[in-house]
């Protein structure tokens, strides 16, 4: 079923790829760049973890541009700090902010443990686990326990296309989740903004 929640913004975040198979990693990185998707690839999950530890996590600063709904006898209106908006828009960190993590399961440490380490750091990108048929049952368990958002079995000629589509869909979900608190606040304070919660309204943008 299509997710019809509204995303208020789309940052040019980075897709992080972790796979110890050099050729596969090179192919998927090349494919993403051809589709103008910013990405960063790692063969060693520990190297990826070190870099991610240094990142400013988007959810920590994405709402820095505070708004307030002003109530008066004449009308309700929203006041936005434009200078704060500019600061957020032009922050260089937003280009490297990880929105989706694609990691192979069969590594050391394996993909599931790698994701757990990110969660310990309060890092929560949309997580896609790449797995072989032999590890599919484990991937299903991780998905059902909500430790990953999706898994893709690495097999066949359409694997790269499947991964690319999964990345696009999970990145959209990331921004939908990031927009949730702002949309809820607006819809509660202003009757005119309740349309933001309507799937039919969001559908016009996708």
N, C-alpha and C. Protein backbone atom coordinates (compact mmCIF):
# COMPACT_ATOMS: atom_id res chain seq x y z
N UNK A 1 0.84 -1.20 0.00
CA UNK A 1 0.00 0.00 0.00
C UNK A 1 0.87 1.25 0.00
N UNK A 2 0.56 2.18 -0.85
CA UNK A 2 1.37 3.39 -0.99
C UNK A 2 1.23 4.29 0.23
N UNK A 3 2.37 4.77 0.73
CA UNK A 3 2.38 5.68 1.86
C UNK A 3 2.05 7.08 1.35
N UNK A 4 0.93 7.63 1.80
CA UNK A 4 0.47 8.91 1.28
C UNK A 4 0.63 10.05 2.28
N UNK A 5 1.58 9.93 3.19
CA UNK A 5 1.86 11.04 4.09
C UNK A 5 2.64 12.12 3.35
N UNK A 6 2.47 13.34 3.77
CA UNK A 6 3.12 14.47 3.13
C UNK A 6 4.53 14.67 3.70
N UNK A 7 5.48 14.94 2.83
CA UNK A 7 6.82 15.35 3.25
C UNK A 7 6.96 16.83 2.94
N UNK A 8 7.33 17.62 3.94
CA UNK A 8 7.39 19.07 3.75
C UNK A 8 8.66 19.52 3.06
N UNK A 9 9.69 18.68 3.07
CA UNK A 9 10.95 19.07 2.45
C UNK A 9 11.74 17.84 2.05
N UNK A 10 12.70 18.03 1.16
CA UNK A 10 13.56 16.96 0.69
C UNK A 10 15.00 17.46 0.72
N UNK A 11 15.72 17.08 1.73
CA UNK A 11 17.12 17.50 1.82
C UNK A 11 17.96 16.67 0.86
N UNK A 12 19.05 17.21 0.38
CA UNK A 12 19.94 16.41 -0.49
C UNK A 12 20.85 15.53 0.34
N UNK A 13 20.26 14.66 1.14
CA UNK A 13 21.04 13.79 2.01
C UNK A 13 21.82 12.75 1.25
N UNK A 14 22.66 12.01 1.97
CA UNK A 14 23.54 11.02 1.37
C UNK A 14 23.07 9.60 1.69
N UNK A 15 23.13 8.73 0.70
CA UNK A 15 22.86 7.31 0.90
C UNK A 15 24.18 6.65 1.29
N UNK A 16 24.20 5.93 2.40
CA UNK A 16 25.42 5.24 2.84
C UNK A 16 25.31 3.75 2.52
N UNK A 17 26.32 3.26 1.79
CA UNK A 17 26.36 1.87 1.33
C UNK A 17 27.52 1.15 2.01
N UNK A 18 27.23 0.00 2.60
CA UNK A 18 28.27 -0.78 3.27
C UNK A 18 28.20 -2.22 2.78
N UNK A 19 29.25 -2.63 2.06
CA UNK A 19 29.29 -3.98 1.49
C UNK A 19 30.75 -4.35 1.25
N UNK A 20 31.18 -5.50 1.76
CA UNK A 20 32.59 -5.87 1.62
C UNK A 20 32.92 -6.48 0.26
N UNK A 21 31.91 -6.62 -0.62
CA UNK A 21 32.17 -7.08 -1.99
C UNK A 21 32.51 -5.87 -2.85
N UNK A 22 33.76 -5.71 -3.18
CA UNK A 22 34.24 -4.51 -3.86
C UNK A 22 33.54 -4.26 -5.20
N UNK A 23 33.40 -5.31 -6.02
CA UNK A 23 32.80 -5.14 -7.34
C UNK A 23 31.33 -4.72 -7.22
N UNK A 24 30.60 -5.40 -6.34
CA UNK A 24 29.18 -5.07 -6.16
C UNK A 24 29.03 -3.64 -5.64
N UNK A 25 29.86 -3.26 -4.68
CA UNK A 25 29.80 -1.91 -4.12
C UNK A 25 30.09 -0.87 -5.19
N UNK A 26 31.07 -1.15 -6.05
CA UNK A 26 31.41 -0.23 -7.13
C UNK A 26 30.25 -0.08 -8.11
N UNK A 27 29.59 -1.20 -8.43
CA UNK A 27 28.48 -1.17 -9.38
C UNK A 27 27.29 -0.36 -8.85
N UNK A 28 26.94 -0.59 -7.60
CA UNK A 28 25.77 0.10 -7.06
C UNK A 28 26.05 1.58 -6.84
N UNK A 29 27.29 1.90 -6.46
CA UNK A 29 27.67 3.30 -6.29
C UNK A 29 27.60 4.04 -7.62
N UNK A 30 28.11 3.40 -8.67
CA UNK A 30 28.07 3.98 -10.00
C UNK A 30 26.63 4.18 -10.46
N UNK A 31 25.77 3.19 -10.21
CA UNK A 31 24.37 3.25 -10.62
C UNK A 31 23.65 4.40 -9.93
N UNK A 32 23.89 4.59 -8.65
CA UNK A 32 23.24 5.66 -7.90
C UNK A 32 23.68 7.03 -8.41
N UNK A 33 24.97 7.17 -8.68
CA UNK A 33 25.48 8.46 -9.15
C UNK A 33 24.93 8.79 -10.54
N UNK A 34 24.71 7.76 -11.36
CA UNK A 34 24.12 7.99 -12.67
C UNK A 34 22.69 8.51 -12.55
N UNK A 35 22.04 8.18 -11.44
CA UNK A 35 20.69 8.67 -11.18
C UNK A 35 20.73 9.94 -10.32
N UNK A 36 21.92 10.55 -10.22
CA UNK A 36 22.12 11.80 -9.49
C UNK A 36 21.72 11.68 -8.02
N UNK A 37 22.01 10.53 -7.44
CA UNK A 37 21.77 10.29 -6.02
C UNK A 37 23.11 10.34 -5.29
N UNK A 38 23.22 11.21 -4.33
CA UNK A 38 24.46 11.35 -3.57
C UNK A 38 24.65 10.12 -2.70
N UNK A 39 25.83 9.51 -2.78
CA UNK A 39 26.07 8.30 -2.00
C UNK A 39 27.53 8.21 -1.57
N UNK A 40 27.76 7.39 -0.56
CA UNK A 40 29.10 7.15 -0.06
C UNK A 40 29.23 5.67 0.25
N UNK A 41 30.26 5.00 -0.30
CA UNK A 41 30.40 3.56 -0.14
C UNK A 41 31.55 3.15 0.74
N UNK A 42 31.37 2.06 1.49
CA UNK A 42 32.39 1.54 2.40
C UNK A 42 32.46 0.03 2.28
N UNK A 43 33.67 -0.51 2.22
CA UNK A 43 33.86 -1.95 2.29
C UNK A 43 33.94 -2.43 3.73
N UNK A 44 34.43 -1.56 4.60
CA UNK A 44 34.61 -1.91 6.01
C UNK A 44 33.54 -1.21 6.85
N UNK A 45 32.67 -1.97 7.52
CA UNK A 45 31.62 -1.34 8.32
C UNK A 45 32.16 -0.48 9.46
N UNK A 46 33.33 -0.82 9.96
CA UNK A 46 33.92 -0.03 11.05
C UNK A 46 34.33 1.36 10.56
N UNK A 47 34.80 1.44 9.33
CA UNK A 47 35.13 2.75 8.74
C UNK A 47 33.87 3.60 8.58
N UNK A 48 32.80 2.95 8.14
CA UNK A 48 31.53 3.67 7.99
C UNK A 48 31.02 4.16 9.33
N UNK A 49 31.15 3.32 10.35
CA UNK A 49 30.69 3.69 11.68
C UNK A 49 31.47 4.88 12.22
N UNK A 50 32.78 4.90 11.99
CA UNK A 50 33.62 6.01 12.44
C UNK A 50 33.17 7.32 11.80
N UNK A 51 32.88 7.28 10.50
CA UNK A 51 32.45 8.50 9.81
C UNK A 51 31.07 8.94 10.26
N UNK A 52 30.17 7.99 10.47
CA UNK A 52 28.81 8.32 10.87
C UNK A 52 28.76 8.91 12.28
N UNK A 53 29.71 8.51 13.12
CA UNK A 53 29.77 9.06 14.48
C UNK A 53 30.01 10.57 14.47
N UNK A 54 30.67 11.03 13.40
CA UNK A 54 31.02 12.45 13.32
C UNK A 54 29.92 13.29 12.68
N UNK A 55 28.86 12.65 12.19
CA UNK A 55 27.83 13.38 11.47
C UNK A 55 26.91 14.14 12.41
N UNK A 56 26.41 15.27 11.92
CA UNK A 56 25.33 15.97 12.60
C UNK A 56 24.04 15.32 12.12
N UNK A 57 23.37 14.62 12.99
CA UNK A 57 22.19 13.86 12.56
C UNK A 57 21.06 14.79 12.20
N UNK A 58 20.47 14.64 11.02
CA UNK A 58 19.46 15.59 10.52
C UNK A 58 18.31 15.85 11.48
N UNK A 59 17.83 14.81 12.17
CA UNK A 59 16.68 14.98 13.04
C UNK A 59 16.98 15.92 14.21
N UNK A 60 18.27 16.17 14.48
CA UNK A 60 18.64 17.04 15.58
C UNK A 60 18.59 18.51 15.20
N UNK A 61 18.63 18.81 13.91
CA UNK A 61 18.65 20.23 13.53
C UNK A 61 17.64 20.58 12.46
N UNK A 62 16.87 19.61 12.04
CA UNK A 62 15.98 19.85 10.92
C UNK A 62 14.86 20.83 11.25
N UNK A 63 14.51 20.95 12.54
CA UNK A 63 13.45 21.86 12.93
C UNK A 63 13.99 23.11 13.64
N UNK A 64 15.24 23.47 13.36
CA UNK A 64 15.82 24.64 13.99
C UNK A 64 15.08 25.92 13.61
N UNK A 65 14.49 25.94 12.41
CA UNK A 65 13.74 27.11 11.97
C UNK A 65 12.37 27.07 12.63
N UNK A 66 12.28 27.63 13.80
CA UNK A 66 11.05 27.53 14.58
C UNK A 66 9.96 28.41 13.99
N UNK A 67 8.76 27.91 14.07
CA UNK A 67 7.61 28.69 13.65
C UNK A 67 6.67 28.79 14.85
N UNK A 68 5.81 29.78 14.83
CA UNK A 68 4.80 29.89 15.87
C UNK A 68 3.49 30.34 15.23
N UNK A 69 2.40 29.74 15.67
CA UNK A 69 1.08 30.11 15.17
C UNK A 69 0.51 31.17 16.11
N UNK A 70 0.20 32.33 15.56
CA UNK A 70 -0.30 33.44 16.35
C UNK A 70 -1.81 33.51 16.24
N UNK A 71 -2.50 33.51 17.37
CA UNK A 71 -3.95 33.58 17.39
C UNK A 71 -4.40 35.02 17.68
N UNK A 72 -5.30 35.52 16.89
CA UNK A 72 -5.86 36.84 17.12
C UNK A 72 -7.36 36.80 16.86
N UNK A 73 -8.04 37.87 17.16
CA UNK A 73 -9.49 37.90 16.92
C UNK A 73 -9.81 37.92 15.44
N UNK A 74 -8.85 38.36 14.62
CA UNK A 74 -9.10 38.50 13.19
C UNK A 74 -8.72 37.25 12.40
N UNK A 75 -7.58 36.65 12.76
CA UNK A 75 -7.12 35.51 11.96
C UNK A 75 -6.02 34.76 12.69
N UNK A 76 -5.80 33.55 12.25
CA UNK A 76 -4.66 32.77 12.72
C UNK A 76 -3.61 32.80 11.63
N UNK A 77 -2.37 33.03 12.01
CA UNK A 77 -1.33 33.01 11.00
C UNK A 77 -0.05 32.44 11.59
N UNK A 78 0.82 32.02 10.70
CA UNK A 78 2.06 31.39 11.12
C UNK A 78 3.22 32.34 10.93
N UNK A 79 4.02 32.49 11.98
CA UNK A 79 5.20 33.34 11.90
C UNK A 79 6.44 32.46 11.78
N UNK A 80 7.23 32.69 10.77
CA UNK A 80 8.43 31.89 10.53
C UNK A 80 9.67 32.77 10.58
N UNK A 81 10.69 32.26 11.23
CA UNK A 81 11.96 32.98 11.31
C UNK A 81 12.73 32.74 10.01
N UNK A 82 12.67 33.70 9.08
CA UNK A 82 13.28 33.54 7.76
C UNK A 82 14.79 33.38 7.86
N UNK A 83 15.43 34.13 8.75
CA UNK A 83 16.89 34.04 8.89
C UNK A 83 17.30 32.63 9.33
N UNK A 84 16.49 32.03 10.23
CA UNK A 84 16.78 30.65 10.66
C UNK A 84 16.59 29.67 9.50
N UNK A 85 15.58 29.94 8.65
CA UNK A 85 15.38 29.09 7.48
C UNK A 85 16.60 29.10 6.57
N UNK A 86 17.13 30.28 6.32
CA UNK A 86 18.32 30.40 5.47
C UNK A 86 19.50 29.65 6.06
N UNK A 87 19.66 29.74 7.36
CA UNK A 87 20.78 29.05 8.01
C UNK A 87 20.67 27.54 7.81
N UNK A 88 19.43 27.03 7.91
CA UNK A 88 19.23 25.60 7.72
C UNK A 88 19.44 25.20 6.26
N UNK A 89 18.89 26.00 5.34
CA UNK A 89 18.99 25.69 3.91
C UNK A 89 20.43 25.61 3.45
N UNK A 90 21.27 26.52 3.94
CA UNK A 90 22.64 26.60 3.44
C UNK A 90 23.68 25.90 4.32
N UNK A 91 23.22 25.09 5.25
CA UNK A 91 24.17 24.32 6.05
C UNK A 91 24.78 23.22 5.19
N UNK A 92 26.08 23.16 5.15
CA UNK A 92 26.75 22.15 4.32
C UNK A 92 26.50 20.74 4.84
N UNK A 93 26.25 20.61 6.14
CA UNK A 93 26.05 19.29 6.72
C UNK A 93 24.87 18.55 6.09
N UNK A 94 23.90 19.29 5.59
CA UNK A 94 22.71 18.62 5.06
C UNK A 94 23.02 17.79 3.82
N UNK A 95 24.11 18.11 3.13
CA UNK A 95 24.46 17.35 1.93
C UNK A 95 25.01 15.96 2.28
N UNK A 96 25.67 15.85 3.42
CA UNK A 96 26.26 14.57 3.82
C UNK A 96 25.43 13.84 4.87
N UNK A 97 24.32 14.44 5.28
CA UNK A 97 23.49 13.81 6.30
C UNK A 97 22.92 12.49 5.80
N UNK A 98 23.14 11.39 6.51
CA UNK A 98 22.66 10.07 6.05
C UNK A 98 21.16 9.91 6.25
N UNK A 99 20.45 9.64 5.17
CA UNK A 99 19.01 9.43 5.24
C UNK A 99 18.65 7.96 5.09
N UNK A 100 19.45 7.23 4.30
CA UNK A 100 19.20 5.81 4.08
C UNK A 100 20.53 5.06 4.21
N UNK A 101 20.50 3.94 4.92
CA UNK A 101 21.65 3.07 5.05
C UNK A 101 21.36 1.76 4.34
N UNK A 102 22.23 1.37 3.42
CA UNK A 102 22.12 0.08 2.73
C UNK A 102 23.33 -0.74 3.15
N UNK A 103 23.10 -1.83 3.85
CA UNK A 103 24.21 -2.62 4.36
C UNK A 103 24.03 -4.10 4.08
N UNK A 104 25.12 -4.77 3.74
CA UNK A 104 25.09 -6.20 3.51
C UNK A 104 25.02 -6.92 4.86
N UNK A 105 24.36 -8.05 4.88
CA UNK A 105 24.26 -8.82 6.12
C UNK A 105 25.54 -9.60 6.40
N UNK A 106 26.08 -10.22 5.37
CA UNK A 106 27.20 -11.15 5.54
C UNK A 106 28.54 -10.41 5.56
N UNK A 107 28.81 -9.72 6.69
CA UNK A 107 30.07 -9.01 6.89
C UNK A 107 30.53 -9.26 8.32
N UNK A 108 31.66 -8.66 8.68
CA UNK A 108 32.14 -8.73 10.06
C UNK A 108 32.46 -7.32 10.56
N UNK A 109 31.66 -6.77 11.48
CA UNK A 109 30.44 -7.37 12.04
C UNK A 109 29.34 -7.40 10.99
N UNK A 110 28.37 -8.30 11.19
CA UNK A 110 27.31 -8.42 10.18
C UNK A 110 26.42 -7.18 10.16
N UNK A 111 25.61 -7.10 9.10
CA UNK A 111 24.80 -5.91 8.90
C UNK A 111 23.87 -5.60 10.05
N UNK A 112 23.31 -6.64 10.68
CA UNK A 112 22.39 -6.43 11.79
C UNK A 112 23.10 -5.80 12.99
N UNK A 113 24.29 -6.28 13.30
CA UNK A 113 25.05 -5.73 14.43
C UNK A 113 25.51 -4.30 14.12
N UNK A 114 25.81 -4.05 12.86
CA UNK A 114 26.21 -2.70 12.45
C UNK A 114 25.08 -1.71 12.70
N UNK A 115 23.86 -2.11 12.33
CA UNK A 115 22.70 -1.25 12.54
C UNK A 115 22.47 -1.03 14.04
N UNK A 116 22.68 -2.08 14.85
CA UNK A 116 22.53 -1.95 16.30
C UNK A 116 23.51 -0.92 16.87
N UNK A 117 24.73 -0.91 16.32
CA UNK A 117 25.72 0.06 16.79
C UNK A 117 25.28 1.49 16.46
N UNK A 118 24.66 1.67 15.32
CA UNK A 118 24.14 2.99 14.97
C UNK A 118 23.05 3.42 15.94
N UNK A 119 22.18 2.49 16.30
CA UNK A 119 21.08 2.82 17.21
C UNK A 119 21.61 3.21 18.59
N UNK A 120 22.73 2.62 18.99
CA UNK A 120 23.34 2.99 20.27
C UNK A 120 23.78 4.45 20.26
N UNK A 121 24.07 4.95 19.07
CA UNK A 121 24.50 6.34 18.92
C UNK A 121 23.32 7.26 18.62
N UNK A 122 22.12 6.72 18.72
CA UNK A 122 20.89 7.46 18.41
C UNK A 122 20.86 7.88 16.94
N UNK A 123 21.38 7.03 16.08
CA UNK A 123 21.36 7.26 14.64
C UNK A 123 20.30 6.34 14.03
N UNK A 124 19.33 6.94 13.34
CA UNK A 124 18.21 6.15 12.83
C UNK A 124 17.88 6.47 11.38
N UNK A 125 18.79 6.14 10.45
CA UNK A 125 18.41 6.27 9.04
C UNK A 125 17.46 5.14 8.67
N UNK A 126 16.82 5.25 7.52
CA UNK A 126 16.03 4.13 7.02
C UNK A 126 17.01 3.03 6.63
N UNK A 127 16.85 1.84 7.18
CA UNK A 127 17.84 0.78 7.02
C UNK A 127 17.35 -0.29 6.05
N UNK A 128 18.16 -0.54 5.02
CA UNK A 128 17.89 -1.60 4.05
C UNK A 128 18.98 -2.65 4.19
N UNK A 129 18.60 -3.89 4.42
CA UNK A 129 19.56 -4.97 4.60
C UNK A 129 19.64 -5.80 3.33
N UNK A 130 20.86 -5.99 2.83
CA UNK A 130 21.08 -6.85 1.67
C UNK A 130 21.45 -8.24 2.16
N UNK A 131 20.81 -9.25 1.60
CA UNK A 131 21.02 -10.59 2.12
C UNK A 131 21.01 -11.62 1.00
N UNK A 132 21.65 -12.75 1.24
CA UNK A 132 21.59 -13.89 0.33
C UNK A 132 20.39 -14.77 0.74
N UNK A 133 20.02 -15.69 -0.13
CA UNK A 133 18.89 -16.56 0.19
C UNK A 133 19.12 -17.32 1.50
N UNK A 134 20.38 -17.68 1.76
CA UNK A 134 20.69 -18.45 2.96
C UNK A 134 20.39 -17.67 4.24
N UNK A 135 20.43 -16.34 4.15
CA UNK A 135 20.20 -15.50 5.33
C UNK A 135 18.81 -14.85 5.32
N UNK A 136 17.95 -15.25 4.40
CA UNK A 136 16.66 -14.58 4.24
C UNK A 136 15.80 -14.68 5.49
N UNK A 137 15.81 -15.85 6.16
CA UNK A 137 14.99 -16.03 7.37
C UNK A 137 15.42 -15.05 8.45
N UNK A 138 16.70 -14.82 8.59
CA UNK A 138 17.20 -13.88 9.58
C UNK A 138 16.76 -12.45 9.23
N UNK A 139 16.79 -12.14 7.94
CA UNK A 139 16.36 -10.81 7.49
C UNK A 139 14.89 -10.58 7.80
N UNK A 140 14.08 -11.62 7.60
CA UNK A 140 12.64 -11.51 7.88
C UNK A 140 12.42 -11.24 9.37
N UNK A 141 13.17 -11.92 10.24
CA UNK A 141 13.05 -11.71 11.68
C UNK A 141 13.40 -10.27 12.05
N UNK A 142 14.46 -9.75 11.45
CA UNK A 142 14.88 -8.38 11.72
C UNK A 142 13.84 -7.38 11.25
N UNK A 143 13.23 -7.66 10.11
CA UNK A 143 12.18 -6.79 9.59
C UNK A 143 10.95 -6.81 10.49
N UNK A 144 10.54 -8.00 10.90
CA UNK A 144 9.35 -8.12 11.74
C UNK A 144 9.56 -7.50 13.12
N UNK A 145 10.80 -7.46 13.58
CA UNK A 145 11.10 -6.84 14.87
C UNK A 145 11.39 -5.34 14.73
N UNK A 146 11.24 -4.84 13.49
CA UNK A 146 11.41 -3.42 13.17
C UNK A 146 12.84 -2.91 13.41
N UNK A 147 13.81 -3.80 13.33
CA UNK A 147 15.21 -3.40 13.44
C UNK A 147 15.75 -2.93 12.09
N UNK A 148 15.09 -3.34 11.02
CA UNK A 148 15.38 -2.83 9.69
C UNK A 148 14.06 -2.42 9.05
N UNK A 149 14.12 -1.59 8.01
CA UNK A 149 12.90 -1.13 7.36
C UNK A 149 12.57 -1.94 6.11
N UNK A 150 13.60 -2.63 5.58
CA UNK A 150 13.38 -3.41 4.36
C UNK A 150 14.58 -4.32 4.15
N UNK A 151 14.37 -5.43 3.44
CA UNK A 151 15.50 -6.27 3.05
C UNK A 151 15.37 -6.58 1.56
N UNK A 152 16.53 -6.78 0.94
CA UNK A 152 16.59 -7.11 -0.49
C UNK A 152 17.51 -8.31 -0.66
N UNK A 153 17.02 -9.33 -1.34
CA UNK A 153 17.83 -10.52 -1.60
C UNK A 153 18.73 -10.24 -2.79
N UNK A 154 20.03 -10.43 -2.61
CA UNK A 154 21.01 -10.17 -3.67
C UNK A 154 21.06 -11.36 -4.62
N UNK A 155 20.29 -11.30 -5.68
CA UNK A 155 20.32 -12.36 -6.69
C UNK A 155 19.67 -11.86 -7.96
N UNK A 156 20.14 -12.39 -9.08
CA UNK A 156 19.51 -12.06 -10.35
C UNK A 156 19.99 -10.76 -10.96
N UNK A 157 19.57 -10.51 -12.20
CA UNK A 157 20.00 -9.35 -12.95
C UNK A 157 19.32 -8.06 -12.51
N UNK A 158 18.19 -8.18 -11.83
CA UNK A 158 17.43 -6.99 -11.44
C UNK A 158 17.74 -6.50 -10.03
N UNK A 159 18.79 -7.04 -9.41
CA UNK A 159 19.10 -6.68 -8.03
C UNK A 159 19.37 -5.18 -7.89
N UNK A 160 20.17 -4.61 -8.77
CA UNK A 160 20.49 -3.19 -8.67
C UNK A 160 19.25 -2.33 -8.84
N UNK A 161 18.38 -2.70 -9.78
CA UNK A 161 17.14 -1.94 -9.98
C UNK A 161 16.25 -2.02 -8.74
N UNK A 162 16.20 -3.20 -8.14
CA UNK A 162 15.39 -3.38 -6.92
C UNK A 162 15.93 -2.53 -5.78
N UNK A 163 17.24 -2.51 -5.64
CA UNK A 163 17.87 -1.71 -4.57
C UNK A 163 17.63 -0.23 -4.81
N UNK A 164 17.77 0.21 -6.05
CA UNK A 164 17.56 1.62 -6.38
C UNK A 164 16.14 2.06 -6.04
N UNK A 165 15.15 1.24 -6.40
CA UNK A 165 13.76 1.57 -6.10
C UNK A 165 13.52 1.59 -4.59
N UNK A 166 14.14 0.64 -3.89
CA UNK A 166 13.99 0.58 -2.44
C UNK A 166 14.58 1.82 -1.78
N UNK A 167 15.71 2.29 -2.28
CA UNK A 167 16.35 3.48 -1.74
C UNK A 167 15.46 4.70 -1.93
N UNK A 168 14.89 4.85 -3.11
CA UNK A 168 14.02 6.00 -3.38
C UNK A 168 12.81 6.01 -2.45
N UNK A 169 12.21 4.84 -2.25
CA UNK A 169 11.02 4.74 -1.41
C UNK A 169 11.35 4.99 0.06
N UNK A 170 12.49 4.46 0.52
CA UNK A 170 12.86 4.65 1.92
C UNK A 170 13.32 6.08 2.20
N UNK A 171 13.93 6.72 1.22
CA UNK A 171 14.32 8.11 1.42
C UNK A 171 13.08 9.00 1.56
N UNK A 172 12.05 8.72 0.77
CA UNK A 172 10.81 9.46 0.90
C UNK A 172 10.22 9.26 2.30
N UNK A 173 10.23 8.02 2.79
CA UNK A 173 9.71 7.74 4.13
C UNK A 173 10.50 8.50 5.19
N UNK A 174 11.81 8.62 4.99
CA UNK A 174 12.63 9.36 5.94
C UNK A 174 12.13 10.79 6.08
N UNK A 175 11.88 11.44 4.95
CA UNK A 175 11.44 12.84 4.98
C UNK A 175 10.00 12.96 5.46
N UNK A 176 9.19 11.95 5.18
CA UNK A 176 7.83 11.95 5.73
C UNK A 176 7.87 11.89 7.26
N UNK A 177 8.75 11.03 7.79
CA UNK A 177 8.89 10.92 9.24
C UNK A 177 9.43 12.21 9.84
N UNK A 178 10.39 12.83 9.14
CA UNK A 178 10.99 14.07 9.63
C UNK A 178 10.00 15.22 9.62
N UNK A 179 8.99 15.13 8.76
CA UNK A 179 7.99 16.19 8.64
C UNK A 179 6.84 16.03 9.62
N UNK A 180 6.75 14.88 10.25
CA UNK A 180 5.57 14.52 11.03
C UNK A 180 5.25 15.53 12.13
N UNK A 181 6.25 15.89 12.95
CA UNK A 181 5.99 16.76 14.09
C UNK A 181 5.55 18.15 13.64
N UNK A 182 6.15 18.66 12.56
CA UNK A 182 5.79 19.98 12.06
C UNK A 182 4.36 19.99 11.52
N UNK A 183 4.00 18.95 10.76
CA UNK A 183 2.65 18.86 10.20
C UNK A 183 1.61 18.75 11.31
N UNK A 184 1.89 17.94 12.32
CA UNK A 184 0.95 17.79 13.42
C UNK A 184 0.76 19.09 14.19
N UNK A 185 1.86 19.82 14.40
CA UNK A 185 1.77 21.09 15.12
C UNK A 185 0.95 22.10 14.33
N UNK A 186 1.18 22.17 13.05
CA UNK A 186 0.43 23.11 12.21
C UNK A 186 -1.05 22.76 12.16
N UNK A 187 -1.35 21.48 12.02
CA UNK A 187 -2.75 21.06 11.88
C UNK A 187 -3.53 21.27 13.17
N UNK A 188 -2.86 21.21 14.32
CA UNK A 188 -3.55 21.42 15.59
C UNK A 188 -3.84 22.90 15.83
N UNK A 189 -2.94 23.77 15.38
CA UNK A 189 -3.06 25.18 15.68
C UNK A 189 -3.90 25.95 14.67
N UNK A 190 -4.01 25.43 13.46
CA UNK A 190 -4.72 26.16 12.42
C UNK A 190 -5.68 25.24 11.68
N UNK A 191 -6.93 25.60 11.63
CA UNK A 191 -7.93 24.77 10.94
C UNK A 191 -7.61 24.65 9.45
N UNK A 192 -7.06 25.72 8.87
CA UNK A 192 -6.75 25.71 7.44
C UNK A 192 -5.65 24.72 7.10
N UNK A 193 -4.83 24.36 8.10
CA UNK A 193 -3.69 23.48 7.84
C UNK A 193 -4.03 22.01 8.01
N UNK A 194 -5.27 21.69 8.37
CA UNK A 194 -5.64 20.29 8.57
C UNK A 194 -5.57 19.49 7.27
N UNK A 195 -5.60 20.19 6.14
CA UNK A 195 -5.49 19.49 4.86
C UNK A 195 -4.14 18.78 4.73
N UNK A 196 -3.13 19.22 5.51
CA UNK A 196 -1.81 18.59 5.44
C UNK A 196 -1.85 17.13 5.87
N UNK A 197 -2.87 16.76 6.64
CA UNK A 197 -3.00 15.39 7.12
C UNK A 197 -3.77 14.50 6.14
N UNK A 198 -4.37 15.10 5.14
CA UNK A 198 -5.22 14.35 4.21
C UNK A 198 -4.40 13.65 3.14
N UNK A 199 -4.54 12.32 2.98
CA UNK A 199 -3.81 11.59 1.94
C UNK A 199 -4.07 12.15 0.54
N UNK A 200 -5.30 12.60 0.29
CA UNK A 200 -5.63 13.14 -1.03
C UNK A 200 -4.83 14.39 -1.34
N UNK A 201 -4.52 15.17 -0.30
CA UNK A 201 -3.71 16.37 -0.48
C UNK A 201 -2.25 16.01 -0.77
N UNK A 202 -1.72 15.08 0.02
CA UNK A 202 -0.33 14.66 -0.16
C UNK A 202 -0.12 14.02 -1.53
N UNK A 203 -1.15 13.32 -2.02
CA UNK A 203 -1.05 12.62 -3.30
C UNK A 203 -0.76 13.56 -4.45
N UNK A 204 -1.15 14.82 -4.33
CA UNK A 204 -0.92 15.79 -5.40
C UNK A 204 0.56 16.10 -5.62
N UNK A 205 1.39 15.74 -4.65
CA UNK A 205 2.81 16.07 -4.73
C UNK A 205 3.68 14.90 -5.16
N UNK A 206 3.08 13.71 -5.35
CA UNK A 206 3.87 12.54 -5.71
C UNK A 206 3.43 11.97 -7.05
